[in-house]
Amino acid sequence: SSGINAEWPLRPGELEARSNLFVAGDAACFYDPVLGRRRVEHHDHAVVSGKLAGQNMAGAAQPYHHQSMFWSDLGPNVGYEAIGLVDSSLPTVGIWAHKDTSESEIRTDPGSNEKYEQGIVFYMDKNKVVGVLTWNIFGKIPIARQVIAAGEEHQDFGLLAKQFDIYTKH
């Protein structure tokens, strides 16, 4: 055995598994200062962690604090973006904007005849947002990063959703 701990970098945050051996991308576990130990298999993480690992190989010794995101376009009019711990085992709060009105309501199970075309799902841990998925709302990941990083408890998710401009047709 090489003795390399592929599960945890030697220096948390610097992507260094052993002295002068750096890790990045899908194979790299890292310490997230907000969400704890993570391993992320997404393009955004691979690009940012690869760049930082290269810089650290050259002596930068910079920590990895990037909260990576992922996305998918599921069809011509359907897509999502997500960030943080998006895990089906976590409690969620969904806010969905109705197609025909600027009003929104908290709906955990919109009826099959309802026309909700865009929304946001907050993934929770002890009243704190640890993950965000936006459905047909694009370009709001910087806001989601701020919400997760703040680590604040939330009670009014309608108000929180307004930060994401959920009520505007995208």
C-alpha atoms as a PDB file:
ATOM      1  CA  SER A   1       0.000   0.000   0.000  1.00  0.00           C
ATOM      2  CA  SER A   2       1.187   3.495  -0.791  1.00  0.00           C
ATOM      3  CA  GLY A   3      -0.029   4.868   2.522  1.00  0.00           C
ATOM      4  CA  ILE A   4      -1.835   7.663   0.690  1.00  0.00           C
ATOM      5  CA  ASN A   5      -5.066   8.714   2.307  1.00  0.00           C
ATOM      6  CA  ALA A   6      -7.279   9.346  -0.717  1.00  0.00           C
ATOM      7  CA  GLU A   7     -10.148  10.207   1.591  1.00  0.00           C
ATOM      8  CA  TRP A   8      -8.644  13.255   3.284  1.00  0.00           C
ATOM      9  CA  PRO A   9      -5.971  15.769   2.273  1.00  0.00           C
ATOM     10  CA  LEU A  10      -3.020  16.093   4.661  1.00  0.00           C
ATOM     11  CA  ARG A  11      -3.560  19.832   4.914  1.00  0.00           C
ATOM     12  CA  PRO A  12      -7.305  20.503   5.003  1.00  0.00           C
ATOM     13  CA  GLY A  13      -8.220  22.934   2.268  1.00  0.00           C
ATOM     14  CA  GLU A  14      -4.944  22.889   0.329  1.00  0.00           C
ATOM     15  CA  LEU A  15      -5.677  19.721  -1.697  1.00  0.00           C
ATOM     16  CA  GLU A  16      -2.384  18.132  -0.629  1.00  0.00           C
ATOM     17  CA  ALA A  17      -2.756  14.395   0.142  1.00  0.00           C
ATOM     18  CA  ARG A  18       0.891  13.966   1.174  1.00  0.00           C
ATOM     19  CA  SER A  19       3.910  16.178   1.037  1.00  0.00           C
ATOM     20  CA  ASN A  20       4.183  17.323  -2.597  1.00  0.00           C
ATOM     21  CA  LEU A  21       1.312  15.069  -3.758  1.00  0.00           C
ATOM     22  CA  PHE A  22      -1.804  17.027  -4.691  1.00  0.00           C
ATOM     23  CA  VAL A  23      -5.326  15.878  -5.482  1.00  0.00           C
ATOM     24  CA  ALA A  24      -8.114  17.517  -7.475  1.00  0.00           C
ATOM     25  CA  GLY A  25     -11.333  16.774  -9.304  1.00  0.00           C
ATOM     26  CA  ASP A  26     -13.647  13.812  -8.804  1.00  0.00           C
ATOM     27  CA  ALA A  27     -11.100  11.776  -6.838  1.00  0.00           C
ATOM     28  CA  ALA A  28     -10.407  14.460  -4.247  1.00  0.00           C
ATOM     29  CA  CYS A  29     -12.028  14.722  -0.865  1.00  0.00           C
ATOM     30  CA  PHE A  30     -11.659  18.127   0.712  1.00  0.00           C
ATOM     31  CA  TYR A  31     -12.720  20.032   3.767  1.00  0.00           C
ATOM     32  CA  ASP A  32     -15.515  22.516   3.185  1.00  0.00           C
ATOM     33  CA  PRO A  33     -15.451  25.128   5.982  1.00  0.00           C
ATOM     34  CA  VAL A  34     -19.265  25.355   5.991  1.00  0.00           C
ATOM     35  CA  LEU A  35     -20.429  21.821   5.141  1.00  0.00           C
ATOM     36  CA  GLY A  36     -17.551  19.668   6.429  1.00  0.00           C
ATOM     37  CA  ARG A  37     -15.764  16.873   4.588  1.00  0.00           C
ATOM     38  CA  ARG A  38     -16.898  16.597   0.958  1.00  0.00           C
ATOM     39  CA  ARG A  39     -16.261  14.832  -2.307  1.00  0.00           C
ATOM     40  CA  VAL A  40     -17.890  16.412  -5.351  1.00  0.00           C
ATOM     41  CA  GLU A  41     -18.079  14.853  -8.817  1.00  0.00           C
ATOM     42  CA  HIS A  42     -18.930  17.855 -10.966  1.00  0.00           C
ATOM     43  CA  HIS A  43     -17.276  19.893 -13.706  1.00  0.00           C
ATOM     44  CA  ASP A  44     -17.144  23.133 -11.690  1.00  0.00           C
ATOM     45  CA  HIS A  45     -15.280  21.431  -8.817  1.00  0.00           C
ATOM     46  CA  ALA A  46     -12.866  19.683 -11.187  1.00  0.00           C
ATOM     47  CA  VAL A  47     -11.928  22.938 -12.933  1.00  0.00           C
ATOM     48  CA  VAL A  48     -11.537  25.065  -9.794  1.00  0.00           C
ATOM     49  CA  SER A  49      -9.794  22.416  -7.673  1.00  0.00           C
ATOM     50  CA  GLY A  50      -7.473  21.481 -10.565  1.00  0.00           C
ATOM     51  CA  LYS A  51      -6.423  25.095 -11.024  1.00  0.00           C
ATOM     52  CA  LEU A  52      -5.825  25.532  -7.286  1.00  0.00           C
ATOM     53  CA  ALA A  53      -3.902  22.247  -6.988  1.00  0.00           C
ATOM     54  CA  GLY A  54      -1.649  23.432  -9.814  1.00  0.00           C
ATOM     55  CA  GLN A  55      -1.096  26.785  -8.129  1.00  0.00           C
ATOM     56  CA  ASN A  56      -0.329  25.057  -4.827  1.00  0.00           C
ATOM     57  CA  MET A  57       2.165  22.751  -6.578  1.00  0.00           C
ATOM     58  CA  ALA A  58       3.930  25.942  -7.599  1.00  0.00           C
ATOM     59  CA  GLY A  59       4.034  27.088  -3.964  1.00  0.00           C
ATOM     60  CA  ALA A  60       0.880  29.190  -3.549  1.00  0.00           C
ATOM     61  CA  ALA A  61      -0.323  27.252  -0.438  1.00  0.00           C
ATOM     62  CA  GLN A  62      -3.843  28.656  -0.903  1.00  0.00           C
ATOM     63  CA  PRO A  63      -6.860  27.042   0.751  1.00  0.00           C
ATOM     64  CA  TYR A  64      -9.758  25.584  -1.232  1.00  0.00           C
ATOM     65  CA  HIS A  65     -12.966  27.351  -0.206  1.00  0.00           C
ATOM     66  CA  HIS A  66     -14.974  27.071  -3.427  1.00  0.00           C
ATOM     67  CA  GLN A  67     -18.585  25.900  -3.066  1.00  0.00           C
ATOM     68  CA  SER A  68     -18.997  24.113  -6.396  1.00  0.00           C
ATOM     69  CA  MET A  69     -22.230  23.894  -8.330  1.00  0.00           C
ATOM     70  CA  PHE A  70     -23.752  21.567 -10.878  1.00  0.00           C
ATOM     71  CA  TRP A  71     -26.507  21.871 -13.468  1.00  0.00           C
ATOM     72  CA  SER A  72     -28.497  20.005 -16.066  1.00  0.00           C
ATOM     73  CA  ASP A  73     -30.635  20.980 -19.011  1.00  0.00           C
ATOM     74  CA  LEU A  74     -33.364  18.354 -19.132  1.00  0.00           C
ATOM     75  CA  GLY A  75     -35.090  19.659 -22.243  1.00  0.00           C
ATOM     76  CA  PRO A  76     -35.619  22.834 -24.233  1.00  0.00           C
ATOM     77  CA  ASN A  77     -37.625  24.481 -21.435  1.00  0.00           C
ATOM     78  CA  VAL A  78     -36.531  22.605 -18.329  1.00  0.00           C
ATOM     79  CA  GLY A  79     -33.307  22.841 -16.367  1.00  0.00           C
ATOM     80  CA  TYR A  80     -31.853  23.221 -12.921  1.00  0.00           C
ATOM     81  CA  GLU A  81     -28.800  24.505 -11.098  1.00  0.00           C
ATOM     82  CA  ALA A  82     -27.745  23.273  -7.673  1.00  0.00           C
ATOM     83  CA  ILE A  83     -25.115  23.853  -5.019  1.00  0.00           C
ATOM     84  CA  GLY A  84     -24.204  22.489  -1.610  1.00  0.00           C
ATOM     85  CA  LEU A  85     -25.638  19.358  -0.039  1.00  0.00           C
ATOM     86  CA  VAL A  86     -28.444  18.389  -2.388  1.00  0.00           C
ATOM     87  CA  ASP A  87     -29.333  15.097  -0.734  1.00  0.00           C
ATOM     88  CA  SER A  88     -32.708  13.339  -0.742  1.00  0.00           C
ATOM     89  CA  SER A  89     -32.210  12.268   2.877  1.00  0.00           C
ATOM     90  CA  LEU A  90     -32.326  15.905   4.045  1.00  0.00           C
ATOM     91  CA  PRO A  91     -35.521  17.805   4.868  1.00  0.00           C
ATOM     92  CA  THR A  92     -36.501  20.246   2.128  1.00  0.00           C
ATOM     93  CA  VAL A  93     -38.615  23.337   1.689  1.00  0.00           C
ATOM     94  CA  GLY A  94     -39.821  24.082  -1.836  1.00  0.00           C
ATOM     95  CA  ILE A  95     -41.119  27.429  -3.038  1.00  0.00           C
ATOM     96  CA  TRP A  96     -42.877  27.321  -6.397  1.00  0.00           C
ATOM     97  CA  ALA A  97     -44.040  30.287  -8.458  1.00  0.00           C
ATOM     98  CA  HIS A  98     -47.398  29.721 -10.123  1.00  0.00           C
ATOM     99  CA  LYS A  99     -47.398  30.129 -13.895  1.00  0.00           C
ATOM    100  CA  ASP A 100     -50.326  32.540 -13.992  1.00  0.00           C
ATOM    101  CA  THR A 101     -49.608  34.843 -11.056  1.00  0.00           C
ATOM    102  CA  SER A 102     -46.834  36.706  -9.292  1.00  0.00           C
ATOM    103  CA  GLU A 103     -47.921  35.117  -6.017  1.00  0.00           C
ATOM    104  CA  SER A 104     -46.133  32.147  -4.556  1.00  0.00           C
ATOM    105  CA  GLU A 105     -46.967  29.686  -1.872  1.00  0.00           C
ATOM    106  CA  ILE A 106     -45.096  26.956  -0.104  1.00  0.00           C
ATOM    107  CA  ARG A 107     -46.113  23.707  -1.776  1.00  0.00           C
ATOM    108  CA  THR A 108     -44.517  20.390  -0.992  1.00  0.00           C
ATOM    109  CA  ASP A 109     -46.735  18.467  -3.422  1.00  0.00           C
ATOM    110  CA  PRO A 110     -48.242  20.637  -6.164  1.00  0.00           C
ATOM    111  CA  GLY A 111     -51.231  18.904  -7.727  1.00  0.00           C
ATOM    112  CA  SER A 112     -50.886  17.384 -11.175  1.00  0.00           C
ATOM    113  CA  ASN A 113     -53.162  20.073 -12.642  1.00  0.00           C
ATOM    114  CA  GLU A 114     -51.139  22.943 -11.164  1.00  0.00           C
ATOM    115  CA  LYS A 115     -48.866  24.982 -13.448  1.00  0.00           C
ATOM    116  CA  TYR A 116     -45.679  25.582 -11.469  1.00  0.00           C
ATOM    117  CA  GLU A 117     -42.868  26.065 -13.976  1.00  0.00           C
ATOM    118  CA  GLN A 118     -40.134  27.446 -11.756  1.00  0.00           C
ATOM    119  CA  GLY A 119     -39.152  27.166  -8.153  1.00  0.00           C
ATOM    120  CA  ILE A 120     -36.455  26.688  -5.597  1.00  0.00           C
ATOM    121  CA  VAL A 121     -35.770  23.865  -3.176  1.00  0.00           C
ATOM    122  CA  PHE A 122     -33.839  24.516   0.021  1.00  0.00           C
ATOM    123  CA  TYR A 123     -32.098  21.513   1.602  1.00  0.00           C
ATOM    124  CA  MET A 124     -32.018  21.913   5.360  1.00  0.00           C
ATOM    125  CA  ASP A 125     -29.994  20.801   8.358  1.00  0.00           C
ATOM    126  CA  LYS A 126     -31.283  22.108  11.703  1.00  0.00           C
ATOM    127  CA  ASN A 127     -33.061  25.138  10.151  1.00  0.00           C
ATOM    128  CA  LYS A 128     -29.936  26.064   8.180  1.00  0.00           C
ATOM    129  CA  VAL A 129     -29.789  25.938   4.399  1.00  0.00           C
ATOM    130  CA  VAL A 130     -27.050  23.520   3.323  1.00  0.00           C
ATOM    131  CA  GLY A 131     -28.114  23.069  -0.306  1.00  0.00           C
ATOM    132  CA  VAL A 132     -30.117  24.909  -2.955  1.00  0.00           C
ATOM    133  CA  LEU A 133     -31.667  23.696  -6.200  1.00  0.00           C
ATOM    134  CA  THR A 134     -33.215  26.200  -8.586  1.00  0.00           C
ATOM    135  CA  TRP A 135     -35.701  24.862 -11.141  1.00  0.00           C
ATOM    136  CA  ASN A 136     -35.895  26.952 -14.349  1.00  0.00           C
ATOM    137  CA  ILE A 137     -34.223  29.855 -12.537  1.00  0.00           C
ATOM    138  CA  PHE A 138     -30.701  30.445 -13.805  1.00  0.00           C
ATOM    139  CA  GLY A 139     -27.692  32.513 -12.775  1.00  0.00           C
ATOM    140  CA  LYS A 140     -28.563  32.644  -9.068  1.00  0.00           C
ATOM    141  CA  ILE A 141     -25.812  30.369  -7.740  1.00  0.00           C
ATOM    142  CA  PRO A 142     -23.832  33.326  -6.282  1.00  0.00           C
ATOM    143  CA  ILE A 143     -26.845  34.111  -4.088  1.00  0.00           C
ATOM    144  CA  ALA A 144     -27.136  30.461  -3.063  1.00  0.00           C
ATOM    145  CA  ARG A 145     -23.413  30.426  -2.160  1.00  0.00           C
ATOM    146  CA  GLN A 146     -23.983  33.421   0.130  1.00  0.00           C
ATOM    147  CA  VAL A 147     -27.028  31.827   1.789  1.00  0.00           C
ATOM    148  CA  ILE A 148     -25.149  28.582   2.488  1.00  0.00           C
ATOM    149  CA  ALA A 149     -21.975  30.352   3.654  1.00  0.00           C
ATOM    150  CA  ALA A 150     -23.929  32.584   6.065  1.00  0.00           C
ATOM    151  CA  GLY A 151     -25.069  29.491   7.980  1.00  0.00           C
ATOM    152  CA  GLU A 152     -28.069  31.355   9.386  1.00  0.00           C
ATOM    153  CA  GLU A 153     -31.306  29.775  10.572  1.00  0.00           C
ATOM    154  CA  HIS A 154     -34.336  30.545   8.403  1.00  0.00           C
ATOM    155  CA  GLN A 155     -38.052  30.534   9.108  1.00  0.00           C
ATOM    156  CA  ASP A 156     -39.513  32.666   6.278  1.00  0.00           C
ATOM    157  CA  PHE A 157     -38.636  30.812   3.094  1.00  0.00           C
ATOM    158  CA  GLY A 158     -40.922  32.960   0.943  1.00  0.00           C
ATOM    159  CA  LEU A 159     -38.795  35.949   1.875  1.00  0.00           C
ATOM    160  CA  LEU A 160     -35.600  33.974   1.288  1.00  0.00           C
ATOM    161  CA  ALA A 161     -36.868  32.886  -2.153  1.00  0.00           C
ATOM    162  CA  LYS A 162     -37.370  36.524  -3.160  1.00  0.00           C
ATOM    163  CA  GLN A 163     -33.573  36.946  -3.127  1.00  0.00           C
ATOM    164  CA  PHE A 164     -33.537  34.517  -6.063  1.00  0.00           C
ATOM    165  CA  ASP A 165     -36.071  36.527  -8.086  1.00  0.00           C
ATOM    166  CA  ILE A 166     -38.354  33.503  -8.161  1.00  0.00           C
ATOM    167  CA  TYR A 167     -41.412  35.526  -9.107  1.00  0.00           C
ATOM    168  CA  THR A 168     -39.985  36.805 -12.413  1.00  0.00           C
ATOM    169  CA  LYS A 169     -40.419  34.670 -15.523  1.00  0.00           C
ATOM    170  CA  HIS A 170     -36.969  33.424 -16.577  1.00  0.00           C
END
